């Protein structure tokens, strides 16, 4: 066969040529194994990242008091205000430095011990960080808190690359986006959990703040109890470990069906079609002209993910609520609505991503954020003149958060896994991780100065970032919904100015990977199930 045959059922073919018989598609339902792998994989990974974004807010005053007490015990004099500020700034910002280090380790770890193995090893960093952060007060050592935050950053840096890689490789393509959104949903749920546990009635007290950090060990231990019994990425097993028996077993578990020959053959065909059979380095990825625009797209989306202004929103929320006349002791409960909206929007995005697609959700999310940043700037400039204006400002804050989580909050991680073939994927996640954490650190470092000089007009900077991100994605990014990894690579062939895959490989991917020849009444029958679930 030299052309791709349509999967039309019962298509009679004249002159003795094959007729197409469409067979059942197999199991398209989501399986318990797939859900467990996605949930527990994210619970010990992205959930902890989200939790660490919010958990330091509630005990900030108590931690600074602890720094002062420890300094007095050591040196016999109160700590200076500048030194307290510096120690606290280091405690907060060193998380991003640890994240950058973790991102740099991902390629090596995923190559040596696999996707699942990397996630399991990463739990060790979470447990160590929990012990350092929880016991720092008992040991009268603020250095333990700083080191603990750094180790937790390493954990998050590894998690935000290894987890999306794992989820993308275990998911059938018709639900790859929904499964990938477990990463975003658990980040939002982690943020919300940190807000709830930080309430004064729970752990947000001077005598209990160390338990906020001890909680970090619980999700990690839960993942250690469950994930070892779930399969490794079948693509990793087959293409990198050459373990066909293990890959077949993993495919069966994730897809919930016995016959996975089409999935195995599709991965084999993808391996034969790849430009390189070894794991490519970052340098090889950057120098490959066939992947130039995929790399640029990942860099742009991950930079916009951090630079779109959501961190600034958290900074302004409490001040706006105070200006609205809410009592100080009521503000933490109202702030919970931001975490709730964030989680709800991420769940809705996960439910609709396979219907709407990645590209529309990203463009809509960044465009909506730009619109509400514009409104927020107007409302903030008039909130001293009208008593009801701060309520509109807070409404805009909720809208910005919902817009972010509808697409930009999770899809960049899904895209990084989809835009690259197997051999380039670890290097791509390393680049995405580096951009993510460098941008994260830059925002934390520069925003206070930007806010001081621009005041409420600082949000216009984020408006420009969101508009530029939406424009870029509109003109460059193709839709990746329900496409194979090879199809997605071919979508960039024209803009990268490289030739399309040759006809022999195309036929192998479209026919051989998903069809079977059998004989019936002396005639050849081609199974109409051309493509596999992956």
Protein backbone atom coordinates (compact mmCIF):
# COMPACT_ATOMS: atom_id res chain seq x y z
CA UNK A 1 0.00 0.00 0.00
CA UNK A 2 1.37 3.42 -0.93
CA UNK A 3 -1.33 5.72 0.40
CA UNK A 4 -3.13 6.11 3.68
CA UNK A 5 -6.46 4.27 3.59
CA UNK A 6 -9.56 5.80 5.19
CA UNK A 7 -11.07 3.94 8.12
CA UNK A 8 -14.49 3.52 6.48
CA UNK A 9 -16.51 0.52 7.72
CA UNK A 10 -17.81 -2.08 5.26
CA UNK A 11 -16.44 -0.30 2.21
CA UNK A 12 -16.87 -2.69 -0.71
CA UNK A 13 -13.98 -2.62 -3.15
CA UNK A 14 -14.44 -3.66 -6.76
CA UNK A 15 -12.21 -5.87 -8.90
CA UNK A 16 -11.07 -8.03 -5.99
CA UNK A 17 -9.23 -5.23 -4.15
CA UNK A 18 -9.29 -5.21 -0.34
CA UNK A 19 -12.40 -4.05 1.45
CA UNK A 20 -12.15 -2.13 4.70
CA UNK A 21 -13.69 -3.56 7.84
CA UNK A 22 -13.67 -1.29 10.86
CA UNK A 23 -13.15 -3.13 14.08
CA UNK A 24 -13.97 -1.85 17.54
CA UNK A 25 -11.62 0.82 18.73
CA UNK A 26 -10.61 -1.09 21.82
CA UNK A 27 -10.80 0.56 25.14
CA UNK A 28 -11.15 4.33 24.97
CA UNK A 29 -12.32 4.67 28.55
CA UNK A 30 -10.04 6.00 31.23
CA UNK A 31 -8.63 3.25 33.44
CA UNK A 32 -8.10 3.14 37.20
CA UNK A 33 -4.39 2.51 36.65
CA UNK A 34 -4.07 5.67 34.54
CA UNK A 35 -5.98 7.81 37.04
CA UNK A 36 -3.96 6.47 39.98
CA UNK A 37 -0.68 7.09 38.18
CA UNK A 38 -1.73 10.67 37.33
CA UNK A 39 -3.12 11.49 40.78
CA UNK A 40 -0.44 9.97 42.99
CA UNK A 41 2.29 11.06 40.61
CA UNK A 42 1.04 14.65 40.93
CA UNK A 43 0.30 14.37 44.67
CA UNK A 44 3.96 13.88 45.58
CA UNK A 45 5.18 16.34 42.95
CA UNK A 46 3.20 19.32 41.67
CA UNK A 47 0.95 19.35 44.77
CA UNK A 48 4.00 19.99 46.94
CA UNK A 49 5.15 22.76 44.59
CA UNK A 50 1.78 24.51 44.90
CA UNK A 51 1.75 24.03 48.67
CA UNK A 52 5.16 25.68 48.98
CA UNK A 53 4.01 28.70 46.99
CA UNK A 54 1.46 29.64 49.66
CA UNK A 55 2.60 28.00 52.90
CA UNK A 56 5.23 30.65 53.77
CA UNK A 57 2.69 33.48 53.81
CA UNK A 58 0.87 32.65 57.07
CA UNK A 59 3.90 32.06 59.34
CA UNK A 60 6.05 34.85 57.86
CA UNK A 61 5.82 37.04 60.99
CA UNK A 62 6.52 34.11 63.31
CA UNK A 63 9.55 33.01 61.29
CA UNK A 64 11.02 36.52 61.41
CA UNK A 65 10.48 36.52 65.19
CA UNK A 66 12.30 33.18 65.37
CA UNK A 67 15.20 34.67 63.41
CA UNK A 68 15.40 37.53 65.92
CA UNK A 69 15.29 35.21 68.93
CA UNK A 70 17.96 32.94 67.52
CA UNK A 71 20.19 35.91 66.75
CA UNK A 72 19.77 37.20 70.31
CA UNK A 73 20.71 33.79 71.77
CA UNK A 74 23.84 33.61 69.62
CA UNK A 75 25.16 37.16 69.67
CA UNK A 76 23.45 38.78 72.66
CA UNK A 77 21.93 41.64 70.69
CA UNK A 78 18.80 42.16 68.56
CA UNK A 79 19.09 41.52 64.88
CA UNK A 80 18.99 44.58 62.65
CA UNK A 81 15.95 45.26 60.48
CA UNK A 82 18.04 45.04 57.33
CA UNK A 83 19.47 41.66 58.37
CA UNK A 84 15.97 40.27 59.08
CA UNK A 85 14.82 41.44 55.67
CA UNK A 86 17.85 39.89 54.01
CA UNK A 87 17.45 36.54 55.78
CA UNK A 88 13.75 36.44 54.91
CA UNK A 89 14.45 37.36 51.29
CA UNK A 90 17.02 34.55 51.09
CA UNK A 91 14.55 32.11 52.64
CA UNK A 92 11.92 32.94 50.02
CA UNK A 93 14.10 33.34 46.92
CA UNK A 94 16.39 30.35 47.48
CA UNK A 95 13.42 28.14 46.60
CA UNK A 96 13.76 29.27 42.97
CA UNK A 97 17.52 28.66 42.98
CA UNK A 98 16.91 25.11 44.17
CA UNK A 99 14.27 24.74 41.46
CA UNK A 100 16.79 25.73 38.81
CA UNK A 101 19.27 23.14 40.09
CA UNK A 102 16.54 20.50 40.06
CA UNK A 103 15.62 21.34 36.48
CA UNK A 104 19.26 20.93 35.45
CA UNK A 105 19.30 17.39 36.89
CA UNK A 106 16.17 16.13 35.13
CA UNK A 107 17.70 14.95 31.86
CA UNK A 108 20.31 12.80 33.61
CA UNK A 109 17.87 11.37 36.16
CA UNK A 110 15.14 10.45 33.68
CA UNK A 111 17.72 8.78 31.46
CA UNK A 112 19.29 6.73 34.27
CA UNK A 113 16.29 5.69 36.36
CA UNK A 114 13.29 6.51 34.19
CA UNK A 115 10.31 8.81 34.66
CA UNK A 116 8.71 6.91 37.52
CA UNK A 117 12.06 6.25 39.16
CA UNK A 118 12.85 9.97 39.13
CA UNK A 119 9.53 10.78 40.82
CA UNK A 120 10.18 8.16 43.49
CA UNK A 121 13.73 9.37 44.14
CA UNK A 122 12.44 12.92 44.34
CA UNK A 123 10.36 12.04 47.41
CA UNK A 124 13.61 11.77 49.32
CA UNK A 125 14.21 15.49 48.80
CA UNK A 126 10.70 16.27 50.05
CA UNK A 127 11.15 14.24 53.24
CA UNK A 128 14.59 15.78 53.92
CA UNK A 129 13.17 19.28 53.36
CA UNK A 130 10.23 18.57 55.69
CA UNK A 131 12.59 17.46 58.47
CA UNK A 132 14.86 20.49 58.08
CA UNK A 133 11.97 22.97 58.01
CA UNK A 134 10.02 21.36 60.85
CA UNK A 135 12.98 20.85 63.20
CA UNK A 136 14.75 24.15 62.55
CA UNK A 137 12.97 25.86 65.44
CA UNK A 138 13.78 23.04 67.88
CA UNK A 139 17.42 23.12 66.82
CA UNK A 140 17.47 26.94 67.09
CA UNK A 141 18.92 27.13 63.60
CA UNK A 142 17.50 29.44 60.95
CA UNK A 143 20.08 27.96 58.58
CA UNK A 144 18.06 24.73 58.61
CA UNK A 145 15.02 26.64 57.33
CA UNK A 146 17.02 28.20 54.51
CA UNK A 147 18.58 24.87 53.51
CA UNK A 148 15.19 23.19 53.77
CA UNK A 149 13.67 25.71 51.37
CA UNK A 150 16.55 25.12 48.97
CA UNK A 151 16.08 21.33 49.08
CA UNK A 152 12.35 21.77 48.56
CA UNK A 153 13.16 23.90 45.54
CA UNK A 154 15.28 21.08 44.11
CA UNK A 155 12.32 18.75 44.63
CA UNK A 156 9.98 21.12 42.80
CA UNK A 157 12.43 21.69 39.95
CA UNK A 158 12.65 17.94 39.32
CA UNK A 159 8.91 17.41 39.78
CA UNK A 160 7.76 20.08 37.32
CA UNK A 161 9.78 18.43 34.54
CA UNK A 162 9.61 14.70 35.36
CA UNK A 163 5.87 14.63 36.12
CA UNK A 164 4.58 16.22 32.85
CA UNK A 165 6.99 13.97 30.96
CA UNK A 166 5.57 10.89 32.70
CA UNK A 167 1.94 11.94 32.27
CA UNK A 168 2.40 12.73 28.58
CA UNK A 169 3.97 9.35 27.86
CA UNK A 170 1.44 7.18 29.71
CA UNK A 171 -1.67 8.90 28.29
CA UNK A 172 -3.58 7.89 25.15
CA UNK A 173 -3.56 10.84 22.80
CA UNK A 174 -7.33 11.44 23.04
CA UNK A 175 -6.94 12.20 26.75
CA UNK A 176 -3.31 13.39 26.89
CA UNK A 177 -4.37 16.96 27.68
CA UNK A 178 -6.83 15.98 30.42
CA UNK A 179 -4.34 13.67 32.12
CA UNK A 180 -1.62 16.31 31.73
CA UNK A 181 -3.83 18.82 33.53
CA UNK A 182 -3.52 16.77 36.73
CA UNK A 183 -0.24 18.66 37.09
CA UNK A 184 -2.00 22.04 37.07
CA UNK A 185 -4.97 20.91 39.17
CA UNK A 186 -2.75 19.54 41.93
CA UNK A 187 -0.63 22.72 41.91
CA UNK A 188 -3.78 24.77 42.52
CA UNK A 189 -5.00 22.30 45.15
CA UNK A 190 -1.62 22.59 46.88
CA UNK A 191 -1.89 26.38 46.95
CA UNK A 192 -5.41 26.11 48.40
CA UNK A 193 -4.28 23.59 51.03
CA UNK A 194 -1.49 25.91 52.13
CA UNK A 195 -4.01 28.73 52.53
CA UNK A 196 -6.41 26.57 54.55
CA UNK A 197 -3.81 25.06 56.88
CA UNK A 198 -2.33 28.52 57.41
CA UNK A 199 -5.53 29.82 59.01
CA UNK A 200 -5.13 30.87 62.68
CA UNK A 201 -7.58 28.19 63.84
CA UNK A 202 -5.43 25.45 62.29
CA UNK A 203 -1.63 25.68 61.96
CA UNK A 204 -1.18 29.42 61.41
CA UNK A 205 -0.17 30.07 65.03
CA UNK A 206 3.18 30.83 66.63
CA UNK A 207 3.20 27.49 68.47
CA UNK A 208 2.24 25.42 65.41
CA UNK A 209 3.89 26.94 62.35
CA UNK A 210 6.55 24.24 62.17
CA UNK A 211 3.79 21.67 61.57
CA UNK A 212 2.93 23.52 58.37
CA UNK A 213 6.30 22.39 57.04
CA UNK A 214 6.12 18.91 58.56
CA UNK A 215 3.01 18.36 56.40
CA UNK A 216 5.32 18.28 53.36
CA UNK A 217 6.33 14.72 54.18
CA UNK A 218 2.77 13.32 54.01
CA UNK A 219 2.10 13.60 50.24
CA UNK A 220 5.63 12.33 49.53
CA UNK A 221 5.11 9.27 51.73
CA UNK A 222 1.73 8.58 50.11
CA UNK A 223 3.35 8.61 46.68
CA UNK A 224 6.08 6.27 47.93
CA UNK A 225 3.40 3.83 49.08
CA UNK A 226 1.45 3.76 45.78
CA UNK A 227 3.63 4.70 42.79
CA UNK A 228 6.03 1.70 43.01
CA UNK A 229 3.10 -0.58 42.18
CA UNK A 230 2.17 1.37 39.02
CA UNK A 231 3.90 0.94 35.64
CA UNK A 232 6.79 2.92 34.23
CA UNK A 233 6.28 4.93 31.03
CA UNK A 234 5.84 2.33 28.24
CA UNK A 235 7.57 4.64 25.77
CA UNK A 236 10.60 4.87 28.02
CA UNK A 237 10.68 1.09 28.49
CA UNK A 238 10.42 0.35 24.78
CA UNK A 239 12.47 3.12 23.17
CA UNK A 240 15.17 3.64 25.77
CA UNK A 241 15.37 0.38 27.71
CA UNK A 242 14.40 -1.92 24.80
CA UNK A 243 12.13 -3.78 27.24
CA UNK A 244 9.27 -4.88 24.99
CA UNK A 245 7.73 -7.21 27.56
CA UNK A 246 7.67 -4.45 30.18
CA UNK A 247 6.27 -1.94 27.71
CA UNK A 248 3.52 -4.36 26.66
CA UNK A 249 2.57 -4.94 30.28
CA UNK A 250 2.50 -1.16 30.93
CA UNK A 251 0.37 -0.51 27.86
CA UNK A 252 -2.12 -3.16 28.95
CA UNK A 253 -2.38 -1.66 32.43
CA UNK A 254 -2.83 1.94 31.26
CA UNK A 255 -5.20 1.14 28.36
CA UNK A 256 -7.17 -1.62 30.04
CA UNK A 257 -7.02 -4.02 27.08
CA UNK A 258 -5.08 -7.16 26.17
CA UNK A 259 -4.18 -6.49 22.54
CA UNK A 260 -1.70 -3.62 22.48
CA UNK A 261 0.20 -4.71 19.36
CA UNK A 262 -0.77 -1.53 17.49
CA UNK A 263 0.56 0.66 20.30
CA UNK A 264 3.82 -1.27 20.40
CA UNK A 265 4.27 -1.09 16.64
CA UNK A 266 3.52 2.63 16.57
CA UNK A 267 6.25 3.30 19.12
CA UNK A 268 8.62 1.05 17.14
CA UNK A 269 7.78 2.99 13.97
CA UNK A 270 8.34 6.31 15.72
CA UNK A 271 11.74 5.07 16.88
CA UNK A 272 12.71 4.11 13.33
CA UNK A 273 11.54 7.50 12.04
CA UNK A 274 13.46 9.60 14.57
CA UNK A 275 16.49 11.55 13.51
CA UNK A 276 18.48 10.21 16.46
CA UNK A 277 18.22 7.03 18.46
CA UNK A 278 20.16 8.27 21.51
CA UNK A 279 18.98 10.77 24.09
CA UNK A 280 19.83 14.19 22.67
CA UNK A 281 21.62 16.80 24.75
CA UNK A 282 20.42 20.37 25.21
CA UNK A 283 23.08 21.55 22.76
CA UNK A 284 21.91 19.06 20.11
CA UNK A 285 18.33 20.19 20.62
CA UNK A 286 19.20 23.87 20.29
CA UNK A 287 21.26 23.28 17.14
CA UNK A 288 18.65 21.11 15.39
CA UNK A 289 16.96 23.28 12.69
CA UNK A 290 14.00 20.89 12.51
CA UNK A 291 13.10 21.75 16.13
CA UNK A 292 13.90 25.47 16.14
CA UNK A 293 10.34 26.78 16.46
CA UNK A 294 9.31 24.08 18.92
CA UNK A 295 12.10 25.26 21.22
CA UNK A 296 11.15 28.92 20.75
CA UNK A 297 7.50 28.08 21.49
CA UNK A 298 8.40 26.30 24.73
CA UNK A 299 10.62 29.19 25.81
CA UNK A 300 7.90 31.77 25.06
CA UNK A 301 5.10 29.85 26.79
CA UNK A 302 7.16 29.06 29.90
CA UNK A 303 8.44 32.65 30.13
CA UNK A 304 4.88 33.98 29.84
CA UNK A 305 3.77 31.43 32.46
CA UNK A 306 5.98 33.15 35.03
CA UNK A 307 6.02 36.73 33.69
CA UNK A 308 2.26 37.11 33.14
CA UNK A 309 1.83 38.72 36.57
CA UNK A 310 0.09 36.15 38.74
CA UNK A 311 2.74 36.51 41.47
CA UNK A 312 2.01 40.24 41.52
CA UNK A 313 -1.68 39.46 41.98
CA UNK A 314 -0.93 37.58 45.21
CA UNK A 315 1.10 40.57 46.37
CA UNK A 316 -1.79 43.02 45.88
CA UNK A 317 -4.73 40.96 47.14
CA UNK A 318 -4.40 41.66 50.87
CA UNK A 319 -3.88 45.39 50.31
CA UNK A 320 -6.97 45.69 48.14
CA UNK A 321 -9.06 43.86 50.74
CA UNK A 322 -7.80 46.19 53.46
CA UNK A 323 -8.74 49.19 51.33
CA UNK A 324 -12.18 47.68 50.91
CA UNK A 325 -12.72 47.97 54.64
CA UNK A 326 -12.44 44.30 55.59
CA UNK A 327 -11.08 43.58 59.07
CA UNK A 328 -7.56 42.17 59.25
CA UNK A 329 -8.75 38.96 60.90
CA UNK A 330 -11.30 38.35 58.11
CA UNK A 331 -8.91 38.81 55.17
CA UNK A 332 -7.34 35.28 55.33
CA UNK A 333 -10.79 33.73 54.88
CA UNK A 334 -11.63 35.93 51.90
CA UNK A 335 -8.25 35.12 50.34
CA UNK A 336 -9.35 31.48 50.37
CA UNK A 337 -11.70 32.39 47.52
CA UNK A 338 -8.67 33.00 45.29
CA UNK A 339 -7.39 29.48 45.92
CA UNK A 340 -10.86 28.05 45.38
CA UNK A 341 -11.33 29.90 42.08
CA UNK A 342 -7.86 28.79 40.97
CA UNK A 343 -8.63 25.11 41.66
CA UNK A 344 -12.09 25.28 40.05
CA UNK A 345 -10.75 26.90 36.88
CA UNK A 346 -7.99 24.27 36.60
CA UNK A 347 -10.54 21.44 36.93
CA UNK A 348 -12.81 22.97 34.27
CA UNK A 349 -9.80 23.39 31.97
CA UNK A 350 -8.93 19.73 32.43
CA UNK A 351 -12.48 18.72 31.52
CA UNK A 352 -12.71 20.78 28.33
CA UNK A 353 -9.13 20.70 27.00
CA UNK A 354 -9.75 17.70 24.75
CA UNK A 355 -12.85 19.34 23.24
CA UNK A 356 -11.60 22.90 22.85
CA UNK A 357 -7.90 22.24 22.34
CA UNK A 358 -4.65 23.61 23.76
CA UNK A 359 -4.22 26.53 21.39
CA UNK A 360 -7.64 28.22 21.99
CA UNK A 361 -7.34 27.85 25.77
CA UNK A 362 -3.87 29.40 25.82
CA UNK A 363 -4.82 32.30 23.57
CA UNK A 364 -8.05 32.91 25.48
CA UNK A 365 -6.27 32.72 28.85
CA UNK A 366 -3.57 35.25 28.01
CA UNK A 367 -6.04 37.56 26.22
CA UNK A 368 -8.48 37.50 29.14
CA UNK A 369 -5.65 38.19 31.58
CA UNK A 370 -4.58 41.21 29.52
CA UNK A 371 -8.17 42.51 29.47
CA UNK A 372 -8.64 42.18 33.24
CA UNK A 373 -5.20 43.65 33.97
CA UNK A 374 -6.31 46.72 32.03
CA UNK A 375 -9.52 46.96 34.06
CA UNK A 376 -7.65 46.38 37.31
CA UNK A 377 -5.28 49.25 36.54
CA UNK A 378 -8.24 51.59 36.02
CA UNK A 379 -10.04 50.44 39.16
CA UNK A 380 -6.93 50.73 41.35
CA UNK A 381 -6.42 54.32 40.25
CA UNK A 382 -9.99 55.26 41.23
CA UNK A 383 -10.49 53.16 44.34
CA UNK A 384 -9.74 56.06 46.69
CA UNK A 385 -12.54 58.12 45.12
CA UNK A 386 -15.35 55.55 45.32
CA UNK A 387 -16.02 53.25 48.26
CA UNK A 388 -17.31 50.46 45.99
CA UNK A 389 -14.33 50.52 43.62
CA UNK A 390 -12.14 48.10 45.66
CA UNK A 391 -14.83 45.43 45.24
CA UNK A 392 -14.46 45.72 41.47
CA UNK A 393 -10.69 45.48 41.88
CA UNK A 394 -11.04 42.25 43.84
CA UNK A 395 -13.42 40.90 41.19
CA UNK A 396 -10.76 41.60 38.57
CA UNK A 397 -8.21 39.74 40.67
CA UNK A 398 -10.46 36.67 40.73
CA UNK A 399 -10.98 36.98 36.98
CA UNK A 400 -7.22 37.17 36.33
CA UNK A 401 -6.66 34.06 38.44
CA UNK A 402 -9.45 32.15 36.66
CA UNK A 403 -8.11 33.22 33.25
CA UNK A 404 -4.62 32.05 34.17
CA UNK A 405 -5.78 28.63 35.32
CA UNK A 406 -8.06 28.14 32.32
CA UNK A 407 -5.02 27.57 30.10
CA UNK A 408 -1.68 29.31 30.81
CA UNK A 409 -1.50 27.73 34.27
CA UNK A 410 -1.06 24.15 33.05
CA UNK A 411 -0.93 23.79 29.28
CA UNK A 412 2.73 24.96 28.89
CA UNK A 413 3.79 21.78 30.70
CA UNK A 414 1.55 19.65 28.47
CA UNK A 415 2.92 21.34 25.33
CA UNK A 416 6.53 20.73 26.33
CA UNK A 417 5.85 17.01 26.34
CA UNK A 418 3.88 17.07 23.09
CA UNK A 419 6.12 19.17 20.84
CA UNK A 420 9.12 16.83 20.93
CA UNK A 421 9.84 13.24 20.02
CA UNK A 422 11.11 10.78 22.62
CA UNK A 423 14.83 11.35 22.20
CA UNK A 424 14.56 15.15 22.53
CA UNK A 425 11.93 15.29 25.29
CA UNK A 426 14.22 15.25 28.38
CA UNK A 427 16.40 18.03 26.95
CA UNK A 428 13.27 20.04 26.11
CA UNK A 429 12.03 19.76 29.69
CA UNK A 430 15.43 20.89 30.95
CA UNK A 431 15.20 24.03 28.80
CA UNK A 432 11.61 24.64 29.91
CA UNK A 433 12.61 24.18 33.55
CA UNK A 434 15.53 26.59 33.27
CA UNK A 435 13.32 29.26 31.69
CA UNK A 436 10.62 28.66 34.30
CA UNK A 437 12.86 29.01 37.33
CA UNK A 438 15.00 31.87 36.01
CA UNK A 439 11.83 33.82 35.23
CA UNK A 440 10.43 32.92 38.65
CA UNK A 441 13.55 34.27 40.35
CA UNK A 442 13.55 37.40 38.16
CA UNK A 443 9.94 38.23 39.08
CA UNK A 444 10.65 37.82 42.80
CA UNK A 445 13.75 39.99 42.51
CA UNK A 446 12.48 42.76 40.23
CA UNK A 447 8.79 43.14 41.04
CA UNK A 448 9.26 45.07 44.35
CA UNK A 449 11.35 47.68 42.48
CA UNK A 450 8.89 47.77 39.60
CA UNK A 451 5.97 48.18 41.96
CA UNK A 452 7.76 50.98 43.83
CA UNK A 453 8.44 52.96 40.67
CA UNK A 454 5.23 52.26 38.71
CA UNK A 455 2.77 51.75 41.58
CA UNK A 456 -0.56 50.50 40.23
CA UNK A 457 0.63 50.93 36.63
CA UNK A 458 2.93 47.92 37.15
CA UNK A 459 0.10 45.74 35.87
CA UNK A 460 0.43 47.34 32.43
CA UNK A 461 3.78 45.58 32.07
CA UNK A 462 2.03 42.24 32.59
CA UNK A 463 -0.69 43.30 30.16
CA UNK A 464 1.96 43.73 27.46
CA UNK A 465 3.50 40.32 28.27
CA UNK A 466 0.09 38.61 28.01
CA UNK A 467 -0.74 40.33 24.70
CA UNK A 468 2.63 39.40 23.18
CA UNK A 469 2.20 35.81 24.35
CA UNK A 470 -1.30 35.55 22.85
CA UNK A 471 -0.17 37.06 19.51
CA UNK A 472 2.79 34.70 19.26
CA UNK A 473 0.65 31.64 19.97
CA UNK A 474 -2.01 32.75 17.48
CA UNK A 475 0.45 32.93 14.59
CA UNK A 476 2.91 30.14 15.47
CA UNK A 477 1.36 27.37 17.58
CA UNK A 478 -0.53 24.59 15.73
CA UNK A 479 -3.22 22.63 17.52
CA UNK A 480 -1.84 19.45 19.13
CA UNK A 481 -5.14 17.97 20.33
CA UNK A 482 -5.56 14.25 19.51
CA UNK A 483 -2.39 14.14 17.39
CA UNK A 484 0.47 11.68 17.58
CA UNK A 485 3.91 12.98 18.50
CA UNK A 486 5.00 12.44 14.89
CA UNK A 487 1.99 14.39 13.56
CA UNK A 488 2.87 17.30 15.83
CA UNK A 489 6.49 17.27 14.64
CA UNK A 490 5.28 17.41 11.05
CA UNK A 491 3.05 20.41 11.87
CA UNK A 492 6.21 22.48 12.42
CA UNK A 493 8.01 21.22 9.29
CA UNK A 494 6.94 24.14 7.10
CA UNK A 495 7.81 26.93 9.54
CA UNK A 496 11.12 25.22 10.33
CA UNK A 497 11.78 25.01 6.56
CA UNK A 498 12.64 21.33 6.68
CA UNK A 499 11.24 18.60 4.38
CA UNK A 500 8.30 16.51 5.50
CA UNK A 501 8.89 12.94 6.60
CA UNK A 502 9.56 10.69 3.62
CA UNK A 503 6.74 8.68 2.14
CA UNK A 504 8.05 5.32 3.29
CA UNK A 505 8.10 6.39 6.94
CA UNK A 506 4.73 8.11 6.62
CA UNK A 507 3.16 4.93 5.30
CA UNK A 508 4.82 2.92 8.06
CA UNK A 509 3.41 5.22 10.71
CA UNK A 510 -0.10 5.47 9.30
CA UNK A 511 -0.66 1.97 7.98
CA UNK A 512 1.68 -0.47 9.62
CA UNK A 513 1.36 0.93 13.10
CA UNK A 514 -2.37 0.52 13.20
CA UNK A 515 -3.44 -2.14 10.74
CA UNK A 516 -3.45 -5.87 10.34
CA UNK A 517 -3.75 -7.95 7.20
CA UNK A 518 -5.88 -11.08 7.38
CA UNK A 519 -7.40 -13.29 4.74
CA UNK A 520 -11.13 -13.85 4.43
CA UNK A 521 -12.71 -15.81 1.56
CA UNK A 522 -9.55 -15.45 -0.49
CA UNK A 523 -9.47 -11.67 -0.16
CA UNK A 524 -7.10 -9.49 1.83
CA UNK A 525 -8.79 -7.50 4.60
CA UNK A 526 -7.14 -4.45 6.12
CA UNK A 527 -8.25 -3.64 9.62
CA UNK A 528 -9.78 -0.16 9.51
CA UNK A 529 -8.27 0.75 12.91
CA UNK A 530 -5.43 2.64 11.28
CA UNK A 531 -3.95 4.43 14.33
CA UNK A 532 -3.35 3.25 17.87
CA UNK A 533 -4.47 4.92 21.08
CA UNK A 534 -1.07 6.60 21.39
